[in-house]
Protein backbone atom coordinates (compact mmCIF):
# COMPACT_ATOMS: atom_id res chain seq x y z
CA LEU A 1 115.29 84.94 129.21
CA ALA A 2 117.49 87.59 126.80
CA GLY A 3 118.90 84.39 124.99
CA SER A 4 115.65 83.03 124.51
CA TYR A 5 114.32 86.01 122.91
CA VAL A 6 117.87 86.48 120.57
CA LEU A 7 117.24 82.46 119.43
CA SER A 8 113.14 83.11 119.05
CA VAL A 9 113.30 85.58 117.34
CA GLU A 10 116.37 84.54 115.04
CA GLN A 11 115.26 81.23 114.19
CA SER A 12 111.66 82.97 113.05
CA THR A 13 110.21 83.89 110.11
CA SER A 14 108.84 87.65 110.07
CA SER A 15 105.68 86.02 109.83
CA ASN A 16 105.46 84.37 113.15
CA ARG A 17 108.05 86.19 114.87
CA GLY A 18 105.79 87.79 117.58
CA PHE A 19 103.87 84.70 118.45
CA ARG A 20 107.77 83.63 119.00
CA GLY A 21 109.01 86.52 121.21
CA SER A 22 105.88 86.01 123.48
CA ILE A 23 106.34 82.23 123.91
CA CYS A 24 109.38 83.67 125.72
CA ASP A 25 107.28 85.84 128.27
CA ALA A 26 104.56 82.98 128.39
CA SER A 27 106.99 80.48 129.43
CA SER A 28 108.82 82.65 132.31
CA VAL A 29 105.24 83.11 133.84
CA GLY A 30 104.66 79.38 133.02
CA GLY A 31 107.26 78.73 135.00
CA PHE A 32 106.40 80.58 137.90
CA LEU A 33 103.13 78.81 138.00
CA LEU A 34 104.66 75.33 137.61
CA ALA A 35 106.96 76.32 140.73
CA SER A 36 103.68 77.60 142.44
CA GLY A 37 101.86 74.19 141.68
CA VAL A 38 105.05 72.17 142.96
CA THR A 39 105.31 74.06 146.04
CA THR A 40 101.65 73.85 147.00
CA VAL A 41 101.32 70.43 146.50
CA VAL A 42 104.46 69.80 148.62
CA ARG A 43 103.04 71.79 151.16
CA HIS A 44 99.76 70.16 150.95
CA ILE A 45 101.18 66.60 150.85
CA PHE A 46 103.57 66.56 153.86
CA SER A 47 103.50 68.47 157.22
CA VAL A 48 104.33 71.71 158.20
CA GLU A 49 107.62 70.05 160.28
CA ALA A 50 108.55 67.69 157.41
CA VAL A 51 108.72 70.89 155.04
CA ASN A 52 110.64 72.55 157.51
CA GLU A 53 112.87 69.34 157.89
CA TRP A 54 113.47 68.04 154.82
CA ALA A 55 110.15 68.25 152.11
CA TRP A 56 111.51 71.52 151.24
CA ARG A 57 114.05 69.99 148.68
CA VAL A 58 111.24 68.12 147.12
CA PRO A 59 110.78 70.97 144.80
CA PHE A 60 114.30 71.19 143.84
CA TRP A 61 114.53 67.00 143.01
CA PHE A 62 111.37 68.12 140.89
CA SER A 63 113.55 70.23 138.56
CA LEU A 64 115.99 67.86 138.51
CA LEU A 65 113.95 65.88 136.21
CA LEU A 66 113.26 68.59 133.80
CA ALA A 67 116.61 69.21 133.48
CA PRO A 68 117.74 66.18 131.15
CA LEU A 69 114.64 66.86 128.97
CA LEU A 70 115.59 70.74 129.04
CA TYR A 71 118.99 69.50 127.59
CA LEU A 72 117.33 67.51 125.06
CA ILE A 73 115.50 70.19 123.31
CA VAL A 74 118.17 72.53 123.44
CA LYS A 75 120.63 70.17 121.85
CA GLN A 76 118.21 69.13 119.00
CA SER A 77 117.34 72.65 118.17
CA GLU A 78 119.17 73.92 115.05
CA GLU A 79 121.78 77.22 114.97
CA SER A 80 120.09 80.26 113.58
CA LYS A 81 121.00 80.92 109.90
CA PHE A 82 122.35 84.56 110.87
CA TRP A 83 124.43 82.61 113.66
CA SER A 84 125.88 80.57 110.61
CA GLU A 85 126.39 83.53 108.39
CA ARG A 86 127.97 85.62 110.98
CA ASN A 87 130.52 82.47 111.94
CA GLU A 88 131.59 82.51 107.63
CA GLN A 89 131.95 86.01 108.18
CA LYS A 90 134.42 85.88 110.47
CA GLU A 91 136.34 83.15 108.89
CA ALA A 92 136.38 85.47 105.98
CA GLU A 93 137.34 88.59 107.96
CA ASN A 94 140.27 86.22 109.89
CA ILE A 95 141.42 85.80 105.93
CA ILE A 96 141.79 89.64 105.17
CA ARG A 97 143.22 90.37 108.66
CA GLU A 98 146.28 87.67 107.75
CA GLN A 99 146.82 89.11 104.62
CA GLU A 100 147.06 92.24 105.74
CA ASN A 101 149.53 91.71 108.81
CA ALA A 102 151.58 89.60 106.22
CA GLN A 103 151.85 92.90 103.98
CA GLN A 104 151.80 95.06 106.96
CA ARG A 105 154.98 97.92 106.65
CA PRO A 106 155.80 100.66 108.68
CA ALA A 107 152.84 103.49 108.77
CA ILE A 108 155.36 106.48 107.82
CA LEU A 109 156.66 104.67 104.68
CA ASP A 110 152.55 103.71 103.83
CA LEU A 111 152.57 107.68 104.21
CA VAL A 112 155.30 108.90 101.62
CA SER A 113 154.80 105.86 99.66
CA SER A 114 152.77 107.72 96.84
CA PRO A 115 152.17 111.25 95.93
CA PHE A 116 148.52 111.74 97.04
CA ASN A 117 149.62 110.44 100.56
CA ARG A 118 152.38 113.27 100.48
CA ARG A 119 149.99 115.58 99.30
CA GLN A 120 147.65 114.64 102.28
CA LEU A 121 150.56 115.05 104.73
CA ALA A 122 151.37 118.72 103.34
CA GLY A 123 148.10 119.71 103.57
CA MET A 124 147.64 117.99 107.15
CA VAL A 125 150.81 120.10 108.54
CA GLY A 126 149.68 123.41 106.63
CA VAL A 127 146.57 123.27 108.70
CA MET A 128 148.23 122.84 112.07
CA CYS A 129 150.48 124.81 111.50
CA SER A 130 148.30 127.91 110.81
CA THR A 131 145.49 127.01 113.31
CA THR A 132 148.57 126.81 116.27
CA SER A 133 150.19 130.19 114.86
């Protein structure tokens, strides 16, 4: 249910975001009502003995009929624009990380390579010496 909220809200506009989010709540209630209805119909059609022996499986068979329909709905839905943008960002981040890793050198060389970093190091050593003594 949480995934449906995210998908619904990401694919909505600001004008219909609340409506689409409320559809998720309504669909869970609708699913409960549908399951109750199918169970009620099964209990009215079949005898108690038949329900206890084999007819309790009928609601599950009914759900097997719904599964292909739900699969087609999910398969035809588009990815949200936020998901696509995030995938593009990840690709850019990976390129930057690869370049950084290719140019990486030991931290001590990086620390003493510039006058600014040497001053920072001297300042940190000074602060540490004054606080520990």
